[in-house]
Amino acid sequence: MLDPAWLLRSGRRGAGLLLDALLPPQCLTCDALVGAPGQFCAACFQRTGFVTDPCCVCCGRPFGSAMQGGASGLCTDCREHPPAWTAARAALRYDDQARRVLLPFKHGDRIETARALAPHMARAGAALLRATDWLVPVPLHRRRLLSRRYNQSALLAQALARLSGRPAVLDGLRRTRATPSLGHKTGTERRAEVSGAFVVRPSRAGQIADSRVLLIDDVMTSGATADACAHALLAAGAARVDVLVAARVADARLE
């Protein structure tokens, strides 16, 4: 008697091969054909800026040289305004190439991008993933979630959970109010807009208490949103909060 699980796996493989034959997989950022969905072609891979050391040991912002972190390994912002989280890491520099990946993911229904980004995030945040108890995505306000139909941070958390084996609590945080776009605001303005905008969902408080949480998001700019989320998680009793994002906006002063 044939194993139903084997039949299911075989059917999925067959469907995947048929789909690849009808719609050959293309590069994440151009029309070049690639070996599997979610890959970069060789040319786009070379143009992609991956975040590697040296970077700030706290916020993960890339340095131009190891000397810029000094003895502490911290950027100026983290020395002057220490965030609530302990450590943050990012897979990509948020440059023109990263925008070609992330903007269609965030606004253009390219949800398959989450699975493509997860291995790069797992590489950048390997130590954080090993140390965490829960993956918790930055939430959208319900009105934005209804209009967009998905939370890109939750999709990244799901993909990372499958890849790493660490459990995800997709509804661990709730955004209590809609906040305006932070795109053109200063760091101070961003912090004011999101201050108090997040709380731990009461039904998840028991899981969060005394646990190590890895906050997941798509892009970190000033860190204001991650900081507000970290404050909410720590207020609910989290033992430690770290942050892992797909891309980090660099500071031109440190390049």
Protein backbone atom coordinates (compact mmCIF):
# COMPACT_ATOMS: atom_id res chain seq x y z
CA MET A 1 0.00 0.00 0.00
CA LEU A 2 1.37 3.38 -0.97
CA ASP A 3 2.21 5.81 1.85
CA PRO A 4 -0.19 8.83 1.71
CA ALA A 5 2.61 11.14 2.89
CA TRP A 6 4.86 9.94 0.05
CA LEU A 7 2.05 10.51 -2.43
CA LEU A 8 1.53 14.04 -1.09
CA ARG A 9 5.26 14.87 -1.34
CA SER A 10 5.43 13.42 -4.83
CA GLY A 11 2.39 15.41 -5.90
CA ARG A 12 3.92 18.61 -4.59
CA ARG A 13 7.20 17.93 -6.37
CA GLY A 14 5.35 17.20 -9.58
CA ALA A 15 3.29 20.39 -9.28
CA GLY A 16 6.45 22.37 -8.63
CA LEU A 17 8.19 20.95 -11.70
CA LEU A 18 5.15 21.67 -13.85
CA LEU A 19 4.95 25.25 -12.58
CA ASP A 20 8.68 25.78 -13.22
CA ALA A 21 8.23 24.47 -16.75
CA LEU A 22 5.29 26.81 -17.44
CA LEU A 23 6.71 29.79 -15.49
CA PRO A 24 10.50 29.45 -15.16
CA PRO A 25 11.75 31.06 -11.93
CA GLN A 26 13.19 34.55 -12.32
CA CYS A 27 15.69 36.55 -10.28
CA LEU A 28 14.27 38.48 -7.34
CA THR A 29 15.29 41.81 -8.87
CA CYS A 30 15.42 41.30 -12.66
CA ASP A 31 14.02 39.06 -15.39
CA ALA A 32 17.00 36.70 -15.59
CA LEU A 33 16.19 33.01 -15.22
CA VAL A 34 17.51 31.30 -12.08
CA GLY A 35 17.67 27.75 -10.77
CA ALA A 36 14.94 28.07 -8.14
CA PRO A 37 12.28 30.58 -7.06
CA GLY A 38 13.58 33.31 -4.76
CA GLN A 39 17.18 33.31 -5.94
CA PHE A 40 19.30 36.17 -7.23
CA CYS A 41 21.01 35.85 -10.58
CA ALA A 42 24.81 36.08 -10.44
CA ALA A 43 24.88 39.74 -11.52
CA CYS A 44 22.25 40.87 -8.98
CA PHE A 45 23.89 38.84 -6.21
CA GLN A 46 27.14 40.71 -6.83
CA ARG A 47 25.29 44.03 -6.62
CA THR A 48 23.58 43.12 -3.33
CA GLY A 49 25.11 44.72 -0.23
CA PHE A 50 25.16 42.18 2.60
CA VAL A 51 25.86 43.49 6.10
CA THR A 52 28.99 41.93 7.55
CA ASP A 53 31.46 42.92 10.24
CA PRO A 54 32.43 45.52 11.17
CA CYS A 55 29.09 46.81 12.41
CA CYS A 56 27.71 48.29 15.63
CA VAL A 57 27.46 45.49 18.20
CA CYS A 58 24.14 46.89 19.41
CA CYS A 59 22.14 48.12 16.40
CA GLY A 60 23.94 46.31 13.58
CA ARG A 61 24.59 49.50 11.61
CA PRO A 62 27.52 48.86 9.24
CA PHE A 63 30.82 50.65 9.85
CA GLY A 64 33.27 51.74 7.20
CA SER A 65 36.09 50.40 9.38
CA ALA A 66 36.46 48.60 12.71
CA MET A 67 37.99 51.74 14.22
CA GLN A 68 34.65 53.56 14.11
CA GLY A 69 33.16 51.50 16.93
CA GLY A 70 36.03 52.25 19.27
CA ALA A 71 36.63 50.08 22.31
CA SER A 72 32.88 49.68 22.95
CA GLY A 73 32.01 48.59 19.39
CA LEU A 74 29.03 50.97 19.51
CA CYS A 75 27.95 53.64 17.06
CA THR A 76 27.44 57.18 18.34
CA ASP A 77 23.64 56.83 18.45
CA CYS A 78 23.80 53.68 20.61
CA ARG A 79 26.32 55.29 22.96
CA GLU A 80 24.21 58.43 23.37
CA HIS A 81 20.73 56.84 23.23
CA PRO A 82 20.98 53.15 24.23
CA PRO A 83 17.98 51.22 22.83
CA ALA A 84 15.81 48.89 24.88
CA TRP A 85 16.92 45.84 22.89
CA THR A 86 20.26 44.10 23.50
CA ALA A 87 21.51 43.37 19.97
CA ALA A 88 20.25 43.82 16.40
CA ARG A 89 21.45 42.35 13.13
CA ALA A 90 20.47 42.82 9.49
CA ALA A 91 20.99 40.78 6.33
CA LEU A 92 21.20 43.59 3.75
CA ARG A 93 22.15 47.23 3.49
CA TYR A 94 19.04 49.19 2.57
CA ASP A 95 20.26 50.61 -0.74
CA ASP A 96 18.82 50.77 -4.25
CA GLN A 97 19.33 47.04 -4.76
CA ALA A 98 17.61 46.16 -1.46
CA ARG A 99 14.71 48.44 -2.34
CA ARG A 100 14.18 46.44 -5.55
CA VAL A 101 13.66 43.41 -3.35
CA LEU A 102 11.77 44.87 -0.41
CA LEU A 103 9.37 47.40 -1.92
CA PRO A 104 7.55 44.82 -4.11
CA PHE A 105 7.52 42.51 -1.08
CA LYS A 106 6.01 45.19 1.13
CA HIS A 107 3.59 46.81 -1.30
CA GLY A 108 3.33 44.57 -4.37
CA ASP A 109 2.11 41.19 -3.09
CA ARG A 110 5.49 39.50 -3.69
CA ILE A 111 5.04 37.37 -0.59
CA GLU A 112 7.39 34.66 -1.89
CA THR A 113 10.23 37.08 -1.10
CA ALA A 114 9.98 36.15 2.58
CA ARG A 115 11.25 32.63 1.88
CA ALA A 116 14.09 34.04 -0.22
CA LEU A 117 15.20 36.52 2.46
CA ALA A 118 15.00 34.09 5.37
CA PRO A 119 18.33 32.28 4.70
CA HIS A 120 20.18 35.59 4.50
CA MET A 121 18.56 36.78 7.74
CA ALA A 122 19.36 33.45 9.40
CA ARG A 123 23.02 33.84 8.43
CA ALA A 124 23.20 37.40 9.76
CA GLY A 125 21.34 36.56 12.98
CA ALA A 126 22.61 33.03 13.61
CA ALA A 127 23.74 33.75 17.18
CA LEU A 128 20.49 35.57 17.99
CA LEU A 129 18.39 32.72 16.61
CA ARG A 130 20.27 30.16 18.71
CA ALA A 131 19.66 32.19 21.87
CA THR A 132 15.97 33.03 21.42
CA ASP A 133 12.81 31.41 22.76
CA TRP A 134 10.32 33.15 20.46
CA LEU A 135 10.25 34.98 17.16
CA VAL A 136 7.82 37.90 17.35
CA PRO A 137 7.07 40.11 14.30
CA VAL A 138 6.46 43.85 14.42
CA PRO A 139 2.68 44.14 13.97
CA LEU A 140 0.69 46.30 11.58
CA HIS A 141 -2.33 48.28 12.72
CA ARG A 142 -5.51 46.42 11.82
CA ARG A 143 -6.54 49.05 9.25
CA ARG A 144 -3.24 48.76 7.40
CA LEU A 145 -3.39 44.99 7.62
CA LEU A 146 -6.84 44.99 6.03
CA SER A 147 -5.69 47.18 3.15
CA ARG A 148 -2.39 45.31 2.56
CA ARG A 149 -3.86 41.84 3.36
CA TYR A 150 -0.62 40.57 4.92
CA ASN A 151 2.06 41.62 7.38
CA GLN A 152 5.45 41.29 5.71
CA SER A 153 7.19 41.03 9.11
CA ALA A 154 4.97 38.09 10.08
CA LEU A 155 5.79 36.36 6.78
CA LEU A 156 9.51 36.78 7.53
CA ALA A 157 8.99 35.39 11.05
CA GLN A 158 7.16 32.36 9.64
CA ALA A 159 9.90 31.69 7.09
CA LEU A 160 12.61 32.02 9.74
CA ALA A 161 10.71 29.72 12.08
CA ARG A 162 10.54 27.01 9.41
CA LEU A 163 14.22 27.44 8.59
CA SER A 164 15.61 27.65 12.13
CA GLY A 165 13.18 25.49 14.09
CA ARG A 166 12.57 28.33 16.56
CA PRO A 167 8.87 28.92 17.33
CA ALA A 168 7.10 32.08 16.24
CA VAL A 169 4.39 33.95 18.14
CA LEU A 170 2.86 35.86 15.26
CA ASP A 171 0.31 37.73 17.37
CA GLY A 172 2.55 38.43 20.35
CA LEU A 173 2.41 42.21 19.89
CA ARG A 174 -0.49 44.49 19.04
CA ARG A 175 -0.28 47.99 17.58
CA THR A 176 -2.66 50.09 19.63
CA ARG A 177 -2.98 52.99 17.21
CA ALA A 178 -2.34 53.77 13.58
CA THR A 179 0.85 55.78 13.11
CA PRO A 180 1.66 57.92 10.07
CA SER A 181 4.40 57.05 7.63
CA LEU A 182 7.78 57.66 9.24
CA GLY A 183 9.65 57.93 5.95
CA HIS A 184 10.56 61.62 6.08
CA LYS A 185 10.70 62.13 9.84
CA THR A 186 13.75 62.64 12.01
CA GLY A 187 14.79 60.08 14.60
CA THR A 188 13.29 62.21 17.38
CA GLU A 189 10.00 62.54 15.48
CA ARG A 190 9.92 58.81 14.80
CA ARG A 191 10.39 57.99 18.49
CA ALA A 192 7.57 60.38 19.43
CA GLU A 193 5.18 58.88 16.86
CA VAL A 194 5.62 55.25 17.96
CA SER A 195 6.09 55.77 21.70
CA GLY A 196 3.49 53.63 23.50
CA ALA A 197 2.05 52.37 20.19
CA PHE A 198 2.68 48.68 20.98
CA VAL A 199 1.56 46.31 23.73
CA VAL A 200 1.90 42.60 24.33
CA ARG A 201 -1.37 40.81 23.63
CA PRO A 202 -2.78 39.65 27.01
CA SER A 203 -3.31 36.10 25.74
CA ARG A 204 0.44 35.90 24.98
CA ALA A 205 1.74 37.52 28.16
CA GLY A 206 2.47 34.17 29.80
CA GLN A 207 4.66 33.10 26.87
CA ILE A 208 6.56 36.38 26.76
CA ALA A 209 7.30 36.58 30.49
CA ASP A 210 10.84 35.46 31.40
CA SER A 211 11.59 34.56 27.77
CA ARG A 212 14.17 35.70 25.23
CA VAL A 213 12.42 37.33 22.29
CA LEU A 214 13.77 37.96 18.80
CA LEU A 215 11.82 40.79 17.18
CA ILE A 216 11.47 40.43 13.39
CA ASP A 217 10.97 43.29 10.91
CA ASP A 218 11.69 44.07 7.27
CA VAL A 219 13.66 47.34 7.51
CA MET A 220 15.30 49.24 10.35
CA THR A 221 15.95 52.93 9.82
CA SER A 222 16.36 54.86 13.08
CA GLY A 223 15.34 51.89 15.24
CA ALA A 224 12.43 53.81 16.78
CA THR A 225 9.81 51.15 15.96
CA ALA A 226 11.99 48.30 17.21
CA ASP A 227 12.73 50.26 20.38
CA ALA A 228 9.03 50.86 21.08
CA CYS A 229 8.31 47.15 20.55
CA ALA A 230 11.21 46.18 22.80
CA HIS A 231 9.91 48.46 25.57
CA ALA A 232 6.49 46.75 25.33
CA LEU A 233 8.03 43.27 25.47
CA LEU A 234 10.27 44.13 28.42
CA ALA A 235 7.35 45.76 30.24
CA ALA A 236 5.51 42.43 29.87
CA GLY A 237 8.40 40.62 31.55
CA ALA A 238 10.60 39.49 28.65
CA ALA A 239 14.06 38.62 29.92
CA ARG A 240 15.80 39.95 26.80
CA VAL A 241 14.85 41.37 23.42
CA ASP A 242 17.01 41.19 20.29
CA VAL A 243 16.16 42.33 16.76
CA LEU A 244 16.65 40.74 13.35
CA VAL A 245 15.69 42.60 10.17
CA ALA A 246 15.98 41.98 6.45
CA ALA A 247 17.69 45.33 5.78
CA ARG A 248 19.36 48.14 7.71
CA VAL A 249 19.63 51.75 6.62
CA ALA A 250 23.27 52.74 6.80
CA ASP A 251 24.53 56.01 8.25
CA ALA A 252 26.45 58.02 5.65
CA ARG A 253 28.64 59.44 8.44
CA LEU A 254 29.99 55.92 9.07
CA GLU A 255 30.61 54.91 5.46
